[in-house]
Structure formats: C-alpha cells, structure tokens
Amino acid sequence: MSVMPSRSSTLAVAVFVAAVALAPMRAHAQWWRSAPKDFEDCADLAER
C-alpha cells in the first residue's frame, strides 16, 4: 500500500511539470497563429 501514494505523487509532479512546460509553447503558438496573416500582408505590399 505504501507504493500507491508515491505513484500518485509522482503522477501529480509529472502533470505539474508537463503543464509548466507546455504553457510557454501555447503562448508561442498563439503568437505564431497571427504571423502568417502578417506575412501575407507584407507579401501583398511587396508585390505592389
């Protein structure tokens, strides 16, 4: 029975670390989502 608490605490730590690691990636993905739109605007201006 002593194995179960260590497994659950390990799982909790793993979930926390994964959430912290993925948070900056989500912020970067939100920034990147608007970048192609800006790139297309720049490409249109360059063609003119």
PDB file of N, CA and C in Angstrom:
ATOM      1  N   MET A   1       0.820  -1.205   0.000  1.00  0.00           N
ATOM      2  CA  MET A   1       0.000   0.000   0.000  1.00  0.00           C
ATOM      3  C   MET A   1       0.860   1.263   0.000  1.00  0.00           C
ATOM      4  N   SER A   2       2.077   1.163   0.463  1.00  0.00           N
ATOM      5  CA  SER A   2       2.929   2.350   0.503  1.00  0.00           C
ATOM      6  C   SER A   2       3.372   2.776  -0.898  1.00  0.00           C
ATOM      7  N   VAL A   3       3.184   1.900  -1.882  1.00  0.00           N
ATOM      8  CA  VAL A   3       3.589   2.234  -3.248  1.00  0.00           C
ATOM      9  C   VAL A   3       2.582   3.192  -3.891  1.00  0.00           C
ATOM     10  N   MET A   4       1.318   3.066  -3.550  1.00  0.00           N
ATOM     11  CA  MET A   4       0.291   3.891  -4.188  1.00  0.00           C
ATOM     12  C   MET A   4       0.483   5.394  -3.958  1.00  0.00           C
ATOM     13  N   PRO A   5       0.737   5.860  -2.731  1.00  0.00           N
ATOM     14  CA  PRO A   5       0.933   7.311  -2.563  1.00  0.00           C
ATOM     15  C   PRO A   5       2.127   7.832  -3.352  1.00  0.00           C
ATOM     16  N   SER A   6       3.197   7.068  -3.450  1.00  0.00           N
ATOM     17  CA  SER A   6       4.356   7.537  -4.197  1.00  0.00           C
ATOM     18  C   SER A   6       4.037   7.592  -5.692  1.00  0.00           C
ATOM     19  N   ARG A   7       3.237   6.655  -6.185  1.00  0.00           N
ATOM     20  CA  ARG A   7       2.847   6.699  -7.594  1.00  0.00           C
ATOM     21  C   ARG A   7       1.965   7.904  -7.872  1.00  0.00           C
ATOM     22  N   SER A   8       1.012   8.168  -6.974  1.00  0.00           N
ATOM     23  CA  SER A   8       0.116   9.298  -7.207  1.00  0.00           C
ATOM     24  C   SER A   8       0.859  10.621  -7.084  1.00  0.00           C
ATOM     25  N   SER A   9       1.808  10.709  -6.148  1.00  0.00           N
ATOM     26  CA  SER A   9       2.577  11.951  -6.032  1.00  0.00           C
ATOM     27  C   SER A   9       3.492  12.123  -7.235  1.00  0.00           C
ATOM     28  N   THR A  10       4.046  11.032  -7.737  1.00  0.00           N
ATOM     29  CA  THR A  10       4.870  11.112  -8.941  1.00  0.00           C
ATOM     30  C   THR A  10       4.031  11.553 -10.127  1.00  0.00           C
ATOM     31  N   LEU A  11       2.825  11.037 -10.228  1.00  0.00           N
ATOM     32  CA  LEU A  11       1.929  11.438 -11.303  1.00  0.00           C
ATOM     33  C   LEU A  11       1.571  12.912 -11.185  1.00  0.00           C
ATOM     34  N   ALA A  12       1.301  13.367  -9.969  1.00  0.00           N
ATOM     35  CA  ALA A  12       0.961  14.776  -9.761  1.00  0.00           C
ATOM     36  C   ALA A  12       2.127  15.678 -10.154  1.00  0.00           C
ATOM     37  N   VAL A  13       3.329  15.300  -9.786  1.00  0.00           N
ATOM     38  CA  VAL A  13       4.510  16.091 -10.154  1.00  0.00           C
ATOM     39  C   VAL A  13       4.692  16.081 -11.668  1.00  0.00           C
ATOM     40  N   ALA A  14       4.496  14.936 -12.304  1.00  0.00           N
ATOM     41  CA  ALA A  14       4.650  14.843 -13.753  1.00  0.00           C
ATOM     42  C   ALA A  14       3.626  15.720 -14.469  1.00  0.00           C
ATOM     43  N   VAL A  15       2.391  15.731 -13.990  1.00  0.00           N
ATOM     44  CA  VAL A  15       1.356  16.571 -14.593  1.00  0.00           C
ATOM     45  C   VAL A  15       1.700  18.044 -14.420  1.00  0.00           C
ATOM     46  N   PHE A  16       2.184  18.414 -13.250  1.00  0.00           N
ATOM     47  CA  PHE A  16       2.557  19.810 -12.995  1.00  0.00           C
ATOM     48  C   PHE A  16       3.709  20.240 -13.901  1.00  0.00           C
ATOM     49  N   VAL A  17       4.714  19.395 -14.027  1.00  0.00           N
ATOM     50  CA  VAL A  17       5.864  19.723 -14.879  1.00  0.00           C
ATOM     51  C   VAL A  17       5.425  19.832 -16.335  1.00  0.00           C
ATOM     52  N   ALA A  18       4.556  18.943 -16.773  1.00  0.00           N
ATOM     53  CA  ALA A  18       4.071  19.000 -18.151  1.00  0.00           C
ATOM     54  C   ALA A  18       3.276  20.279 -18.392  1.00  0.00           C
ATOM     55  N   ALA A  19       2.458  20.685 -17.438  1.00  0.00           N
ATOM     56  CA  ALA A  19       1.671  21.915 -17.590  1.00  0.00           C
ATOM     57  C   ALA A  19       2.582  23.132 -17.669  1.00  0.00           C
ATOM     58  N   VAL A  20       3.611  23.166 -16.841  1.00  0.00           N
ATOM     59  CA  VAL A  20       4.553  24.294 -16.867  1.00  0.00           C
ATOM     60  C   VAL A  20       5.334  24.296 -18.176  1.00  0.00           C
ATOM     61  N   ALA A  21       5.711  23.126 -18.658  1.00  0.00           N
ATOM     62  CA  ALA A  21       6.491  23.040 -19.892  1.00  0.00           C
ATOM     63  C   ALA A  21       5.653  23.421 -21.107  1.00  0.00           C
ATOM     64  N   LEU A  22       4.367  23.089 -21.098  1.00  0.00           N
ATOM     65  CA  LEU A  22       3.523  23.370 -22.256  1.00  0.00           C
ATOM     66  C   LEU A  22       2.978  24.790 -22.260  1.00  0.00           C
ATOM     67  N   ALA A  23       2.976  25.480 -21.137  1.00  0.00           N
ATOM     68  CA  ALA A  23       2.423  26.834 -21.082  1.00  0.00           C
ATOM     69  C   ALA A  23       3.150  27.791 -22.030  1.00  0.00           C
ATOM     70  N   PRO A  24       4.483  27.853 -22.044  1.00  0.00           N
ATOM     71  CA  PRO A  24       5.147  28.751 -22.997  1.00  0.00           C
ATOM     72  C   PRO A  24       4.906  28.341 -24.447  1.00  0.00           C
ATOM     73  N   MET A  25       4.761  27.044 -24.702  1.00  0.00           N
ATOM     74  CA  MET A  25       4.517  26.595 -26.069  1.00  0.00           C
ATOM     75  C   MET A  25       3.146  27.080 -26.541  1.00  0.00           C
ATOM     76  N   ARG A  26       2.160  27.087 -25.654  1.00  0.00           N
ATOM     77  CA  ARG A  26       0.843  27.598 -26.029  1.00  0.00           C
ATOM     78  C   ARG A  26       0.914  29.085 -26.324  1.00  0.00           C
ATOM     79  N   ALA A  27       1.653  29.830 -25.517  1.00  0.00           N
ATOM     80  CA  ALA A  27       1.791  31.266 -25.749  1.00  0.00           C
ATOM     81  C   ALA A  27       2.494  31.506 -27.075  1.00  0.00           C
ATOM     82  N   HIS A  28       3.512  30.710 -27.377  1.00  0.00           N
ATOM     83  CA  HIS A  28       4.224  30.854 -28.648  1.00  0.00           C
ATOM     84  C   HIS A  28       3.293  30.496 -29.806  1.00  0.00           C
ATOM     85  N   ALA A  29       2.470  29.471 -29.627  1.00  0.00           N
ATOM     86  CA  ALA A  29       1.545  29.073 -30.683  1.00  0.00           C
ATOM     87  C   ALA A  29       0.513  30.172 -30.935  1.00  0.00           C
ATOM     88  N   GLN A  30       0.055  30.850 -29.891  1.00  0.00           N
ATOM     89  CA  GLN A  30      -0.886  31.944 -30.082  1.00  0.00           C
ATOM     90  C   GLN A  30      -0.229  33.081 -30.852  1.00  0.00           C
ATOM     91  N   TRP A  31       1.046  33.343 -30.574  1.00  0.00           N
ATOM     92  CA  TRP A  31       1.753  34.391 -31.304  1.00  0.00           C
ATOM     93  C   TRP A  31       1.924  33.973 -32.757  1.00  0.00           C
ATOM     94  N   TRP A  32       2.255  32.711 -32.985  1.00  0.00           N
ATOM     95  CA  TRP A  32       2.533  32.238 -34.334  1.00  0.00           C
ATOM     96  C   TRP A  32       1.269  32.202 -35.187  1.00  0.00           C
ATOM     97  N   ARG A  33       0.116  32.044 -34.561  1.00  0.00           N
ATOM     98  CA  ARG A  33      -1.130  31.950 -35.305  1.00  0.00           C
ATOM     99  C   ARG A  33      -1.364  33.218 -36.135  1.00  0.00           C
ATOM    100  N   SER A  34      -0.977  34.382 -35.623  1.00  0.00           N
ATOM    101  CA  SER A  34      -1.210  35.620 -36.364  1.00  0.00           C
ATOM    102  C   SER A  34      -0.071  35.934 -37.328  1.00  0.00           C
ATOM    103  N   ALA A  35       1.049  35.265 -37.230  1.00  0.00           N
ATOM    104  CA  ALA A  35       2.217  35.578 -38.055  1.00  0.00           C
ATOM    105  C   ALA A  35       1.967  35.346 -39.550  1.00  0.00           C
ATOM    106  N   PRO A  36       1.374  34.230 -39.985  1.00  0.00           N
ATOM    107  CA  PRO A  36       1.153  34.064 -41.427  1.00  0.00           C
ATOM    108  C   PRO A  36       0.252  35.159 -42.000  1.00  0.00           C
ATOM    109  N   LYS A  37      -0.713  35.611 -41.237  1.00  0.00           N
ATOM    110  CA  LYS A  37      -1.567  36.699 -41.703  1.00  0.00           C
ATOM    111  C   LYS A  37      -0.725  37.952 -41.945  1.00  0.00           C
ATOM    112  N   ASP A  38       0.163  38.267 -40.998  1.00  0.00           N
ATOM    113  CA  ASP A  38       1.045  39.413 -41.167  1.00  0.00           C
ATOM    114  C   ASP A  38       1.983  39.197 -42.353  1.00  0.00           C
ATOM    115  N   PHE A  39       2.457  37.972 -42.531  1.00  0.00           N
ATOM    116  CA  PHE A  39       3.355  37.673 -43.642  1.00  0.00           C
ATOM    117  C   PHE A  39       2.643  37.892 -44.973  1.00  0.00           C
ATOM    118  N   GLU A  40       1.377  37.469 -45.059  1.00  0.00           N
ATOM    119  CA  GLU A  40       0.623  37.674 -46.295  1.00  0.00           C
ATOM    120  C   GLU A  40       0.424  39.154 -46.566  1.00  0.00           C
ATOM    121  N   ASP A  41       0.170  39.930 -45.516  1.00  0.00           N
ATOM    122  CA  ASP A  41       0.035  41.375 -45.689  1.00  0.00           C
ATOM    123  C   ASP A  41       1.333  41.970 -46.220  1.00  0.00           C
ATOM    124  N   CYS A  42       2.464  41.539 -45.683  1.00  0.00           N
ATOM    125  CA  CYS A  42       3.761  42.035 -46.152  1.00  0.00           C
ATOM    126  C   CYS A  42       4.011  41.601 -47.592  1.00  0.00           C
ATOM    127  N   ALA A  43       3.628  40.371 -47.932  1.00  0.00           N
ATOM    128  CA  ALA A  43       3.823  39.890 -49.296  1.00  0.00           C
ATOM    129  C   ALA A  43       2.970  40.694 -50.272  1.00  0.00           C
ATOM    130  N   ASP A  44       1.744  41.022 -49.886  1.00  0.00           N
ATOM    131  CA  ASP A  44       0.886  41.844 -50.745  1.00  0.00           C
ATOM    132  C   ASP A  44       1.490  43.225 -50.957  1.00  0.00           C
ATOM    133  N   LEU A  45       2.030  43.813 -49.899  1.00  0.00           N
ATOM    134  CA  LEU A  45       2.667  45.125 -50.028  1.00  0.00           C
ATOM    135  C   LEU A  45       3.910  45.039 -50.905  1.00  0.00           C
ATOM    136  N   ALA A  46       4.649  43.950 -50.827  1.00  0.00           N
ATOM    137  CA  ALA A  46       5.865  43.795 -51.628  1.00  0.00           C
ATOM    138  C   ALA A  46       5.532  43.649 -53.110  1.00  0.00           C
ATOM    139  N   GLU A  47       4.391  43.026 -53.427  1.00  0.00           N
ATOM    140  CA  GLU A  47       4.008  42.863 -54.834  1.00  0.00           C
ATOM    141  C   GLU A  47       3.614  44.189 -55.466  1.00  0.00           C
ATOM    142  N   ARG A  48       3.145  45.141 -54.659  1.00  0.00           N
ATOM    143  CA  ARG A  48       2.682  46.418 -55.210  1.00  0.00           C
ATOM    144  C   ARG A  48       3.801  47.324 -55.599  1.00  0.00           C
TER     145      ARG A  48
END
